Amino acid sequence: MLERRNLPDLKLLQTFECAARHRNFTRAGEELALTQSAVSRQIRELEAQLGKPLFERVRGRVVPTPAGEVLRRRAAPGSARPPSPPPARPAWPWPAAARRHGHRWRRAGPRASP
């Protein structure tokens, strides 16, 4: 497991994810507005940081290695769960706070005639 201070740059992970999805550095570059050589250079930098090859280069396309496949699954959009929203709370913690602030609180039901 990587420690927080050793995590790769988010830009490199984004480039990796795009290249893994397209299985082609040129198409990844087109999507990211980078040249093919810039994508290749960023992938090499990421591989150097992680110390593992992430792609096998095969006749004009790239195939993720087992380590690359693991990283691809973890780097895919939506793979991280968003934090759950806080529980809904009422506007007033009725009835005690309402009384402290001068509000009159009545239970729901038919209105009493004035």
PDB file of N, CA and C in Angstrom:
ATOM      1  N   MET A   1       0.839  -1.185   0.000  1.00  0.00           N
ATOM      2  CA  MET A   1       0.000   0.000   0.000  1.00  0.00           C
ATOM      3  C   MET A   1       0.877   1.240   0.000  1.00  0.00           C
ATOM      4  N   LEU A   2       0.518   2.209  -0.809  1.00  0.00           N
ATOM      5  CA  LEU A   2       1.279   3.444  -0.875  1.00  0.00           C
ATOM      6  C   LEU A   2       0.923   4.346   0.295  1.00  0.00           C
ATOM      7  N   GLU A   3       1.941   4.983   0.855  1.00  0.00           N
ATOM      8  CA  GLU A   3       1.676   5.967   1.893  1.00  0.00           C
ATOM      9  C   GLU A   3       1.230   7.248   1.222  1.00  0.00           C
ATOM     10  N   ARG A   4       0.531   8.074   1.964  1.00  0.00           N
ATOM     11  CA  ARG A   4      -0.024   9.300   1.412  1.00  0.00           C
ATOM     12  C   ARG A   4       1.048  10.171   0.751  1.00  0.00           C
ATOM     13  N   ARG A   5       2.206  10.289   1.394  1.00  0.00           N
ATOM     14  CA  ARG A   5       3.246  11.160   0.838  1.00  0.00           C
ATOM     15  C   ARG A   5       3.873  10.572  -0.419  1.00  0.00           C
ATOM     16  N   ASN A   6       3.679   9.275  -0.662  1.00  0.00           N
ATOM     17  CA  ASN A   6       4.258   8.619  -1.828  1.00  0.00           C
ATOM     18  C   ASN A   6       3.261   8.437  -2.970  1.00  0.00           C
ATOM     19  N   LEU A   7       2.076   9.006  -2.831  1.00  0.00           N
ATOM     20  CA  LEU A   7       1.078   8.850  -3.884  1.00  0.00           C
ATOM     21  C   LEU A   7       1.509   9.591  -5.143  1.00  0.00           C
ATOM     22  N   PRO A   8       1.260   9.016  -6.311  1.00  0.00           N
ATOM     23  CA  PRO A   8       1.617   9.688  -7.564  1.00  0.00           C
ATOM     24  C   PRO A   8       0.742  10.913  -7.801  1.00  0.00           C
ATOM     25  N   ASP A   9       1.223  11.768  -8.663  1.00  0.00           N
ATOM     26  CA  ASP A   9       0.506  12.976  -9.037  1.00  0.00           C
ATOM     27  C   ASP A   9      -0.823  12.599  -9.691  1.00  0.00           C
ATOM     28  N   LEU A  10      -1.861  13.344  -9.362  1.00  0.00           N
ATOM     29  CA  LEU A  10      -3.188  13.073  -9.906  1.00  0.00           C
ATOM     30  C   LEU A  10      -3.208  13.174 -11.431  1.00  0.00           C
ATOM     31  N   LYS A  11      -2.422  14.079 -11.982  1.00  0.00           N
ATOM     32  CA  LYS A  11      -2.346  14.236 -13.442  1.00  0.00           C
ATOM     33  C   LYS A  11      -1.816  12.955 -14.093  1.00  0.00           C
ATOM     34  N   LEU A  12      -0.810  12.320 -13.457  1.00  0.00           N
ATOM     35  CA  LEU A  12      -0.271  11.074 -14.002  1.00  0.00           C
ATOM     36  C   LEU A  12      -1.312   9.960 -13.929  1.00  0.00           C
ATOM     37  N   LEU A  13      -2.072   9.915 -12.840  1.00  0.00           N
ATOM     38  CA  LEU A  13      -3.116   8.892 -12.707  1.00  0.00           C
ATOM     39  C   LEU A  13      -4.230   9.110 -13.733  1.00  0.00           C
ATOM     40  N   GLN A  14      -4.558  10.368 -13.996  1.00  0.00           N
ATOM     41  CA  GLN A  14      -5.582  10.667 -14.996  1.00  0.00           C
ATOM     42  C   GLN A  14      -5.109  10.219 -16.382  1.00  0.00           C
ATOM     43  N   THR A  15      -3.853  10.490 -16.688  1.00  0.00           N
ATOM     44  CA  THR A  15      -3.302  10.078 -17.972  1.00  0.00           C
ATOM     45  C   THR A  15      -3.278   8.556 -18.075  1.00  0.00           C
ATOM     46  N   PHE A  16      -2.887   7.891 -16.997  1.00  0.00           N
ATOM     47  CA  PHE A  16      -2.872   6.425 -16.982  1.00  0.00           C
ATOM     48  C   PHE A  16      -4.271   5.871 -17.217  1.00  0.00           C
ATOM     49  N   GLU A  17      -5.260   6.390 -16.496  1.00  0.00           N
ATOM     50  CA  GLU A  17      -6.623   5.881 -16.610  1.00  0.00           C
ATOM     51  C   GLU A  17      -7.138   6.024 -18.037  1.00  0.00           C
ATOM     52  N   CYS A  18      -6.849   7.163 -18.652  1.00  0.00           N
ATOM     53  CA  CYS A  18      -7.301   7.409 -20.029  1.00  0.00           C
ATOM     54  C   CYS A  18      -6.602   6.461 -21.006  1.00  0.00           C
ATOM     55  N   ALA A  19      -5.307   6.273 -20.825  1.00  0.00           N
ATOM     56  CA  ALA A  19      -4.557   5.368 -21.706  1.00  0.00           C
ATOM     57  C   ALA A  19      -5.023   3.924 -21.528  1.00  0.00           C
ATOM     58  N   ALA A  20      -5.322   3.531 -20.300  1.00  0.00           N
ATOM     59  CA  ALA A  20      -5.796   2.170 -20.048  1.00  0.00           C
ATOM     60  C   ALA A  20      -7.174   1.956 -20.656  1.00  0.00           C
ATOM     61  N   ARG A  21      -8.005   2.964 -20.598  1.00  0.00           N
ATOM     62  CA  ARG A  21      -9.349   2.857 -21.160  1.00  0.00           C
ATOM     63  C   ARG A  21      -9.307   2.753 -22.674  1.00  0.00           C
ATOM     64  N   HIS A  22      -8.481   3.578 -23.320  1.00  0.00           N
ATOM     65  CA  HIS A  22      -8.378   3.569 -24.779  1.00  0.00           C
ATOM     66  C   HIS A  22      -7.442   2.485 -25.301  1.00  0.00           C
ATOM     67  N   ARG A  23      -6.536   2.031 -24.435  1.00  0.00           N
ATOM     68  CA  ARG A  23      -5.497   1.070 -24.828  1.00  0.00           C
ATOM     69  C   ARG A  23      -4.672   1.604 -25.995  1.00  0.00           C
ATOM     70  N   ASN A  24      -4.490   2.936 -25.978  1.00  0.00           N
ATOM     71  CA  ASN A  24      -3.760   3.590 -27.049  1.00  0.00           C
ATOM     72  C   ASN A  24      -3.318   4.964 -26.557  1.00  0.00           C
ATOM     73  N   PHE A  25      -2.013   5.247 -26.637  1.00  0.00           N
ATOM     74  CA  PHE A  25      -1.491   6.522 -26.148  1.00  0.00           C
ATOM     75  C   PHE A  25      -1.929   7.689 -27.024  1.00  0.00           C
ATOM     76  N   THR A  26      -2.070   7.463 -28.332  1.00  0.00           N
ATOM     77  CA  THR A  26      -2.473   8.544 -29.231  1.00  0.00           C
ATOM     78  C   THR A  26      -3.892   8.987 -28.935  1.00  0.00           C
ATOM     79  N   ARG A  27      -4.821   8.042 -28.785  1.00  0.00           N
ATOM     80  CA  ARG A  27      -6.215   8.394 -28.475  1.00  0.00           C
ATOM     81  C   ARG A  27      -6.334   9.031 -27.101  1.00  0.00           C
ATOM     82  N   ALA A  28      -5.550   8.540 -26.149  1.00  0.00           N
ATOM     83  CA  ALA A  28      -5.549   9.152 -24.813  1.00  0.00           C
ATOM     84  C   ALA A  28      -5.064  10.592 -24.901  1.00  0.00           C
ATOM     85  N   GLY A  29      -4.026  10.806 -25.705  1.00  0.00           N
ATOM     86  CA  GLY A  29      -3.517  12.156 -25.893  1.00  0.00           C
ATOM     87  C   GLY A  29      -4.540  13.084 -26.521  1.00  0.00           C
ATOM     88  N   GLU A  30      -5.291  12.574 -27.481  1.00  0.00           N
ATOM     89  CA  GLU A  30      -6.329  13.389 -28.113  1.00  0.00           C
ATOM     90  C   GLU A  30      -7.385  13.808 -27.094  1.00  0.00           C
ATOM     91  N   GLU A  31      -7.776  12.873 -26.239  1.00  0.00           N
ATOM     92  CA  GLU A  31      -8.785  13.190 -25.215  1.00  0.00           C
ATOM     93  C   GLU A  31      -8.261  14.204 -24.206  1.00  0.00           C
ATOM     94  N   LEU A  32      -6.989  14.075 -23.857  1.00  0.00           N
ATOM     95  CA  LEU A  32      -6.401  14.943 -22.833  1.00  0.00           C
ATOM     96  C   LEU A  32      -5.717  16.183 -23.407  1.00  0.00           C
ATOM     97  N   ALA A  33      -5.766  16.355 -24.718  1.00  0.00           N
ATOM     98  CA  ALA A  33      -5.104  17.464 -25.414  1.00  0.00           C
ATOM     99  C   ALA A  33      -3.601  17.431 -25.166  1.00  0.00           C
ATOM    100  N   LEU A  34      -3.015  16.229 -25.272  1.00  0.00           N
ATOM    101  CA  LEU A  34      -1.578  16.025 -25.141  1.00  0.00           C
ATOM    102  C   LEU A  34      -1.086  15.301 -26.383  1.00  0.00           C
ATOM    103  N   THR A  35       0.211  15.360 -26.621  1.00  0.00           N
ATOM    104  CA  THR A  35       0.778  14.580 -27.714  1.00  0.00           C
ATOM    105  C   THR A  35       0.975  13.144 -27.237  1.00  0.00           C
ATOM    106  N   GLN A  36       1.157  12.248 -28.190  1.00  0.00           N
ATOM    107  CA  GLN A  36       1.398  10.844 -27.851  1.00  0.00           C
ATOM    108  C   GLN A  36       2.669  10.724 -27.029  1.00  0.00           C
ATOM    109  N   SER A  37       3.688  11.500 -27.359  1.00  0.00           N
ATOM    110  CA  SER A  37       4.949  11.403 -26.614  1.00  0.00           C
ATOM    111  C   SER A  37       4.795  11.921 -25.180  1.00  0.00           C
ATOM    112  N   ALA A  38       3.934  12.936 -24.979  1.00  0.00           N
ATOM    113  CA  ALA A  38       3.696  13.434 -23.618  1.00  0.00           C
ATOM    114  C   ALA A  38       2.986  12.377 -22.776  1.00  0.00           C
ATOM    115  N   VAL A  39       2.030  11.676 -23.377  1.00  0.00           N
ATOM    116  CA  VAL A  39       1.348  10.591 -22.667  1.00  0.00           C
ATOM    117  C   VAL A  39       2.353   9.499 -22.310  1.00  0.00           C
ATOM    118  N   SER A  40       3.165   9.106 -23.276  1.00  0.00           N
ATOM    119  CA  SER A  40       4.166   8.076 -23.048  1.00  0.00           C
ATOM    120  C   SER A  40       5.134   8.476 -21.940  1.00  0.00           C
ATOM    121  N   ARG A  41       5.548   9.726 -21.948  1.00  0.00           N
ATOM    122  CA  ARG A  41       6.489  10.222 -20.939  1.00  0.00           C
ATOM    123  C   ARG A  41       5.845  10.203 -19.542  1.00  0.00           C
ATOM    124  N   GLN A  42       4.570  10.595 -19.460  1.00  0.00           N
ATOM    125  CA  GLN A  42       3.886  10.576 -18.167  1.00  0.00           C
ATOM    126  C   GLN A  42       3.691   9.156 -17.655  1.00  0.00           C
ATOM    127  N   ILE A  43       3.412   8.227 -18.554  1.00  0.00           N
ATOM    128  CA  ILE A  43       3.255   6.825 -18.147  1.00  0.00           C
ATOM    129  C   ILE A  43       4.595   6.284 -17.646  1.00  0.00           C
ATOM    130  N   ARG A  44       5.684   6.608 -18.355  1.00  0.00           N
ATOM    131  CA  ARG A  44       7.016   6.174 -17.898  1.00  0.00           C
ATOM    132  C   ARG A  44       7.335   6.738 -16.514  1.00  0.00           C
ATOM    133  N   GLU A  45       6.965   8.004 -16.285  1.00  0.00           N
ATOM    134  CA  GLU A  45       7.202   8.627 -14.986  1.00  0.00           C
ATOM    135  C   GLU A  45       6.399   7.920 -13.892  1.00  0.00           C
ATOM    136  N   LEU A  46       5.149   7.582 -14.184  1.00  0.00           N
ATOM    137  CA  LEU A  46       4.313   6.871 -13.217  1.00  0.00           C
ATOM    138  C   LEU A  46       4.882   5.482 -12.942  1.00  0.00           C
ATOM    139  N   GLU A  47       5.322   4.786 -13.986  1.00  0.00           N
ATOM    140  CA  GLU A  47       5.925   3.464 -13.804  1.00  0.00           C
ATOM    141  C   GLU A  47       7.186   3.563 -12.945  1.00  0.00           C
ATOM    142  N   ALA A  48       7.972   4.621 -13.139  1.00  0.00           N
ATOM    143  CA  ALA A  48       9.188   4.805 -12.337  1.00  0.00           C
ATOM    144  C   ALA A  48       8.832   5.076 -10.882  1.00  0.00           C
ATOM    145  N   GLN A  49       7.802   5.881 -10.643  1.00  0.00           N
ATOM    146  CA  GLN A  49       7.390   6.177  -9.267  1.00  0.00           C
ATOM    147  C   GLN A  49       6.887   4.929  -8.551  1.00  0.00           C
ATOM    148  N   LEU A  50       6.145   4.088  -9.267  1.00  0.00           N
ATOM    149  CA  LEU A  50       5.573   2.891  -8.660  1.00  0.00           C
ATOM    150  C   LEU A  50       6.544   1.713  -8.662  1.00  0.00           C
ATOM    151  N   GLY A  51       7.555   1.785  -9.527  1.00  0.00           N
ATOM    152  CA  GLY A  51       8.537   0.711  -9.604  1.00  0.00           C
ATOM    153  C   GLY A  51       8.032  -0.548 -10.283  1.00  0.00           C
ATOM    154  N   LYS A  52       6.975  -0.415 -11.096  1.00  0.00           N
ATOM    155  CA  LYS A  52       6.402  -1.574 -11.798  1.00  0.00           C
ATOM    156  C   LYS A  52       5.981  -1.141 -13.192  1.00  0.00           C
ATOM    157  N   PRO A  53       6.128  -2.021 -14.178  1.00  0.00           N
ATOM    158  CA  PRO A  53       5.580  -1.701 -15.504  1.00  0.00           C
ATOM    159  C   PRO A  53       4.060  -1.777 -15.455  1.00  0.00           C
ATOM    160  N   LEU A  54       3.403  -0.816 -16.070  1.00  0.00           N
ATOM    161  CA  LEU A  54       1.943  -0.769 -16.049  1.00  0.00           C
ATOM    162  C   LEU A  54       1.326  -1.185 -17.375  1.00  0.00           C
ATOM    163  N   PHE A  55       2.118  -1.128 -18.445  1.00  0.00           N
ATOM    164  CA  PHE A  55       1.628  -1.502 -19.776  1.00  0.00           C
ATOM    165  C   PHE A  55       2.649  -2.371 -20.490  1.00  0.00           C
ATOM    166  N   GLU A  56       2.131  -3.253 -21.341  1.00  0.00           N
ATOM    167  CA  GLU A  56       2.969  -3.955 -22.312  1.00  0.00           C
ATOM    168  C   GLU A  56       2.667  -3.288 -23.654  1.00  0.00           C
ATOM    169  N   ARG A  57       3.697  -2.885 -24.356  1.00  0.00           N
ATOM    170  CA  ARG A  57       3.518  -2.238 -25.654  1.00  0.00           C
ATOM    171  C   ARG A  57       3.482  -3.321 -26.728  1.00  0.00           C
ATOM    172  N   VAL A  58       2.360  -3.435 -27.430  1.00  0.00           N
ATOM    173  CA  VAL A  58       2.179  -4.484 -28.432  1.00  0.00           C
ATOM    174  C   VAL A  58       1.606  -3.886 -29.705  1.00  0.00           C
ATOM    175  N   ARG A  59       2.416  -3.799 -30.770  1.00  0.00           N
ATOM    176  CA  ARG A  59       1.984  -3.378 -32.107  1.00  0.00           C
ATOM    177  C   ARG A  59       0.983  -2.219 -32.126  1.00  0.00           C
ATOM    178  N   GLY A  60       1.383  -1.071 -31.738  1.00  0.00           N
ATOM    179  CA  GLY A  60       0.537   0.113 -31.829  1.00  0.00           C
ATOM    180  C   GLY A  60      -0.538   0.244 -30.768  1.00  0.00           C
ATOM    181  N   ARG A  61      -0.580  -0.675 -29.848  1.00  0.00           N
ATOM    182  CA  ARG A  61      -1.534  -0.537 -28.754  1.00  0.00           C
ATOM    183  C   ARG A  61      -0.837  -0.920 -27.462  1.00  0.00           C
ATOM    184  N   VAL A  62      -1.475  -0.606 -26.358  1.00  0.00           N
ATOM    185  CA  VAL A  62      -0.902  -0.934 -25.057  1.00  0.00           C
ATOM    186  C   VAL A  62      -1.896  -1.787 -24.290  1.00  0.00           C
ATOM    187  N   VAL A  63      -1.380  -2.753 -23.564  1.00  0.00           N
ATOM    188  CA  VAL A  63      -2.206  -3.658 -22.775  1.00  0.00           C
ATOM    189  C   VAL A  63      -1.747  -3.553 -21.329  1.00  0.00           C
ATOM    190  N   PRO A  64      -2.669  -3.305 -20.395  1.00  0.00           N
ATOM    191  CA  PRO A  64      -2.256  -3.209 -18.997  1.00  0.00           C
ATOM    192  C   PRO A  64      -1.670  -4.525 -18.482  1.00  0.00           C
ATOM    193  N   THR A  65      -0.592  -4.433 -17.730  1.00  0.00           N
ATOM    194  CA  THR A  65      -0.024  -5.598 -17.049  1.00  0.00           C
ATOM    195  C   THR A  65      -0.935  -5.914 -15.859  1.00  0.00           C
ATOM    196  N   PRO A  66      -0.709  -7.018 -15.155  1.00  0.00           N
ATOM    197  CA  PRO A  66      -1.534  -7.285 -13.966  1.00  0.00           C
ATOM    198  C   PRO A  66      -1.498  -6.120 -12.960  1.00  0.00           C
ATOM    199  N   ALA A  67      -0.325  -5.526 -12.751  1.00  0.00           N
ATOM    200  CA  ALA A  67      -0.236  -4.366 -11.851  1.00  0.00           C
ATOM    201  C   ALA A  67      -1.000  -3.182 -12.427  1.00  0.00           C
ATOM    202  N   GLY A  68      -0.935  -3.003 -13.736  1.00  0.00           N
ATOM    203  CA  GLY A  68      -1.667  -1.930 -14.388  1.00  0.00           C
ATOM    204  C   GLY A  68      -3.163  -2.129 -14.308  1.00  0.00           C
ATOM    205  N   GLU A  69      -3.598  -3.373 -14.385  1.00  0.00           N
ATOM    206  CA  GLU A  69      -5.025  -3.680 -14.289  1.00  0.00           C
ATOM    207  C   GLU A  69      -5.556  -3.352 -12.890  1.00  0.00           C
ATOM    208  N   VAL A  70      -4.781  -3.688 -11.871  1.00  0.00           N
ATOM    209  CA  VAL A  70      -5.179  -3.355 -10.497  1.00  0.00           C
ATOM    210  C   VAL A  70      -5.298  -1.843 -10.336  1.00  0.00           C
ATOM    211  N   LEU A  71      -4.306  -1.113 -10.818  1.00  0.00           N
ATOM    212  CA  LEU A  71      -4.334   0.341 -10.725  1.00  0.00           C
ATOM    213  C   LEU A  71      -5.474   0.922 -11.545  1.00  0.00           C
ATOM    214  N   ARG A  72      -5.754   0.349 -12.704  1.00  0.00           N
ATOM    215  CA  ARG A  72      -6.852   0.840 -13.546  1.00  0.00           C
ATOM    216  C   ARG A  72      -8.185   0.728 -12.810  1.00  0.00           C
ATOM    217  N   ARG A  73      -8.407  -0.394 -12.140  1.00  0.00           N
ATOM    218  CA  ARG A  73      -9.657  -0.563 -11.394  1.00  0.00           C
ATOM    219  C   ARG A  73      -9.764   0.447 -10.264  1.00  0.00           C
ATOM    220  N   ARG A  74      -8.639   0.729  -9.619  1.00  0.00           N
ATOM    221  CA  ARG A  74      -8.657   1.685  -8.505  1.00  0.00           C
ATOM    222  C   ARG A  74      -8.733   3.123  -8.978  1.00  0.00           C
ATOM    223  N   ALA A  75      -8.220   3.421 -10.171  1.00  0.00           N
ATOM    224  CA  ALA A  75      -8.192   4.791 -10.674  1.00  0.00           C
ATOM    225  C   ALA A  75      -9.416   5.137 -11.507  1.00  0.00           C
ATOM    226  N   ALA A  76     -10.261   4.153 -11.795  1.00  0.00           N
ATOM    227  CA  ALA A  76     -11.424   4.397 -12.649  1.00  0.00           C
ATOM    228  C   ALA A  76     -12.377   5.390 -11.993  1.00  0.00           C
ATOM    229  N   PRO A  77     -12.980   6.279 -12.787  1.00  0.00           N
ATOM    230  CA  PRO A  77     -13.953   7.215 -12.217  1.00  0.00           C
ATOM    231  C   PRO A  77     -15.081   6.452 -11.546  1.00  0.00           C
ATOM    232  N   GLY A  78     -15.462   6.912 -10.378  1.00  0.00           N
ATOM    233  CA  GLY A  78     -16.539   6.263  -9.645  1.00  0.00           C
ATOM    234  C   GLY A  78     -16.095   5.113  -8.786  1.00  0.00           C
ATOM    235  N   SER A  79     -14.802   4.785  -8.793  1.00  0.00           N
ATOM    236  CA  SER A  79     -14.365   3.671  -7.969  1.00  0.00           C
ATOM    237  C   SER A  79     -14.282   4.045  -6.500  1.00  0.00           C
ATOM    238  N   ALA A  80     -14.106   5.311  -6.220  1.00  0.00           N
ATOM    239  CA  ALA A  80     -14.082   5.775  -4.833  1.00  0.00           C
ATOM    240  C   ALA A  80     -15.496   6.190  -4.455  1.00  0.00           C
ATOM    241  N   ARG A  81     -15.932   5.775  -3.297  1.00  0.00           N
ATOM    242  CA  ARG A  81     -17.271   6.136  -2.859  1.00  0.00           C
ATOM    243  C   ARG A  81     -17.285   7.564  -2.336  1.00  0.00           C
ATOM    244  N   PRO A  82     -18.277   8.338  -2.743  1.00  0.00           N
ATOM    245  CA  PRO A  82     -18.380   9.684  -2.186  1.00  0.00           C
ATOM    246  C   PRO A  82     -18.802   9.593  -0.725  1.00  0.00           C
ATOM    247  N   PRO A  83     -18.454  10.584   0.065  1.00  0.00           N
ATOM    248  CA  PRO A  83     -18.866  10.534   1.467  1.00  0.00           C
ATOM    249  C   PRO A  83     -20.380  10.570   1.571  1.00  0.00           C
ATOM    250  N   SER A  84     -20.930   9.878   2.539  1.00  0.00           N
ATOM    251  CA  SER A  84     -22.378   9.862   2.698  1.00  0.00           C
ATOM    252  C   SER A  84     -22.826  11.194   3.287  1.00  0.00           C
ATOM    253  N   PRO A  85     -23.998  11.648   2.904  1.00  0.00           N
ATOM    254  CA  PRO A  85     -24.466  12.940   3.405  1.00  0.00           C
ATOM    255  C   PRO A  85     -24.774  12.841   4.896  1.00  0.00           C
ATOM    256  N   PRO A  86     -24.700  13.961   5.594  1.00  0.00           N
ATOM    257  CA  PRO A  86     -25.030  13.925   7.019  1.00  0.00           C
ATOM    258  C   PRO A  86     -26.509  13.631   7.190  1.00  0.00           C
ATOM    259  N   PRO A  87     -26.896  13.070   8.315  1.00  0.00           N
ATOM    260  CA  PRO A  87     -28.313  12.777   8.519  1.00  0.00           C
ATOM    261  C   PRO A  87     -29.124  14.068   8.577  1.00  0.00           C
ATOM    262  N   ALA A  88     -30.342  13.997   8.097  1.00  0.00           N
ATOM    263  CA  ALA A  88     -31.212  15.168   8.100  1.00  0.00           C
ATOM    264  C   ALA A  88     -31.572  15.518   9.536  1.00  0.00           C
ATOM    265  N   ARG A  89     -31.537  16.803   9.834  1.00  0.00           N
ATOM    266  CA  ARG A  89     -31.911  17.253  11.176  1.00  0.00           C
ATOM    267  C   ARG A  89     -33.044  18.255  11.029  1.00  0.00           C
ATOM    268  N   PRO A  90     -33.943  18.258  11.971  1.00  0.00           N
ATOM    269  CA  PRO A  90     -35.019  19.239  11.898  1.00  0.00           C
ATOM    270  C   PRO A  90     -34.463  20.647  12.105  1.00  0.00           C
ATOM    271  N   ALA A  91     -35.206  21.629  11.619  1.00  0.00           N
ATOM    272  CA  ALA A  91     -34.778  23.016  11.753  1.00  0.00           C
ATOM    273  C   ALA A  91     -34.667  23.415  13.220  1.00  0.00           C
ATOM    274  N   TRP A  92     -35.594  22.970  14.004  1.00  0.00           N
ATOM    275  CA  TRP A  92     -35.557  23.231  15.445  1.00  0.00           C
ATOM    276  C   TRP A  92     -35.577  21.901  16.165  1.00  0.00           C
ATOM    277  N   PRO A  93     -34.779  21.729  17.182  1.00  0.00           N
ATOM    278  CA  PRO A  93     -34.919  20.517  17.996  1.00  0.00           C
ATOM    279  C   PRO A  93     -36.117  20.678  18.933  1.00  0.00           C
ATOM    280  N   TRP A  94     -37.291  20.546  18.371  1.00  0.00           N
ATOM    281  CA  TRP A  94     -38.546  20.780  19.083  1.00  0.00           C
ATOM    282  C   TRP A  94     -38.673  19.858  20.273  1.00  0.00           C
ATOM    283  N   PRO A  95     -39.381  20.202  21.280  1.00  0.00           N
ATOM    284  CA  PRO A  95     -39.965  21.502  21.576  1.00  0.00           C
ATOM    285  C   PRO A  95     -39.086  22.377  22.472  1.00  0.00           C
ATOM    286  N   ALA A  96     -38.055  21.827  23.085  1.00  0.00           N
ATOM    287  CA  ALA A  96     -37.294  22.581  24.083  1.00  0.00           C
ATOM    288  C   ALA A  96     -36.669  23.848  23.504  1.00  0.00           C
ATOM    289  N   ALA A  97     -36.000  23.754  22.355  1.00  0.00           N
ATOM    290  CA  ALA A  97     -35.343  24.927  21.788  1.00  0.00           C
ATOM    291  C   ALA A  97     -36.365  25.959  21.342  1.00  0.00           C
ATOM    292  N   ALA A  98     -37.478  25.503  20.865  1.00  0.00           N
ATOM    293  CA  ALA A  98     -38.510  26.442  20.426  1.00  0.00           C
ATOM    294  C   ALA A  98     -38.978  27.283  21.609  1.00  0.00           C
ATOM    295  N   ARG A  99     -39.161  26.641  22.741  1.00  0.00           N
ATOM    296  CA  ARG A  99     -39.591  27.391  23.925  1.00  0.00           C
ATOM    297  C   ARG A  99     -38.524  28.387  24.353  1.00  0.00           C
ATOM    298  N   ARG A 100     -37.252  27.984  24.271  1.00  0.00           N
ATOM    299  CA  ARG A 100     -36.170  28.898  24.670  1.00  0.00           C
ATOM    300  C   ARG A 100     -36.159  30.143  23.801  1.00  0.00           C
ATOM    301  N   HIS A 101     -36.584  30.020  22.570  1.00  0.00           N
ATOM    302  CA  HIS A 101     -36.550  31.144  21.647  1.00  0.00           C
ATOM    303  C   HIS A 101     -37.900  31.832  21.506  1.00  0.00           C
ATOM    304  N   GLY A 102     -38.819  31.500  22.393  1.00  0.00           N
ATOM    305  CA  GLY A 102     -40.092  32.204  22.416  1.00  0.00           C
ATOM    306  C   GLY A 102     -41.130  31.694  21.442  1.00  0.00           C
ATOM    307  N   HIS A 103     -40.884  30.579  20.783  1.00  0.00           N
ATOM    308  CA  HIS A 103     -41.883  30.021  19.867  1.00  0.00           C
ATOM    309  C   HIS A 103     -42.864  29.161  20.656  1.00  0.00           C
ATOM    310  N   ARG A 104     -44.120  29.221  20.221  1.00  0.00           N
ATOM    311  CA  ARG A 104     -45.098  28.332  20.844  1.00  0.00           C
ATOM    312  C   ARG A 104     -45.180  27.091  19.980  1.00  0.00           C
ATOM    313  N   TRP A 105     -45.179  25.946  20.622  1.00  0.00           N
ATOM    314  CA  TRP A 105     -45.181  24.690  19.888  1.00  0.00           C
ATOM    315  C   TRP A 105     -46.410  23.901  20.273  1.00  0.00           C
ATOM    316  N   ARG A 106     -47.116  23.430  19.267  1.00  0.00           N
ATOM    317  CA  ARG A 106     -48.290  22.593  19.509  1.00  0.00           C
ATOM    318  C   ARG A 106     -48.153  21.321  18.708  1.00  0.00           C
ATOM    319  N   ARG A 107     -48.709  20.278  19.241  1.00  0.00           N
ATOM    320  CA  ARG A 107     -48.721  19.018  18.503  1.00  0.00           C
ATOM    321  C   ARG A 107     -49.637  19.163  17.293  1.00  0.00           C
ATOM    322  N   ALA A 108     -49.324  18.376  16.246  1.00  0.00           N
ATOM    323  CA  ALA A 108     -50.159  18.423  15.043  1.00  0.00           C
ATOM    324  C   ALA A 108     -51.535  17.886  15.382  1.00  0.00           C
ATOM    325  N   GLY A 109     -52.516  18.463  14.841  1.00  0.00           N
ATOM    326  CA  GLY A 109     -53.883  18.023  15.066  1.00  0.00           C
ATOM    327  C   GLY A 109     -54.826  19.155  14.689  1.00  0.00           C
ATOM    328  N   PRO A 110     -56.071  18.979  14.998  1.00  0.00           N
ATOM    329  CA  PRO A 110     -57.019  20.038  14.649  1.00  0.00           C
ATOM    330  C   PRO A 110     -56.674  21.306  15.425  1.00  0.00           C
ATOM    331  N   ARG A 111     -56.815  22.409  14.767  1.00  0.00           N
ATOM    332  CA  ARG A 111     -56.526  23.689  15.422  1.00  0.00           C
ATOM    333  C   ARG A 111     -57.586  24.016  16.441  1.00  0.00           C
ATOM    334  N   ALA A 112     -57.135  24.521  17.549  1.00  0.00           N
ATOM    335  CA  ALA A 112     -58.072  24.961  18.574  1.00  0.00           C
ATOM    336  C   ALA A 112     -58.657  26.297  18.134  1.00  0.00           C
ATOM    337  N   SER A 113     -59.909  26.490  18.437  1.00  0.00           N
ATOM    338  CA  SER A 113     -60.503  27.764  18.047  1.00  0.00           C
ATOM    339  C   SER A 113     -60.012  28.851  19.002  1.00  0.00           C
ATOM    340  N   PRO A 114     -59.781  30.056  18.502  1.00  0.00           N
ATOM    341  CA  PRO A 114     -59.234  31.103  19.352  1.00  0.00           C
ATOM    342  C   PRO A 114     -60.188  31.642  20.368  1.00  0.00           C
TER     343      PRO A 114
END
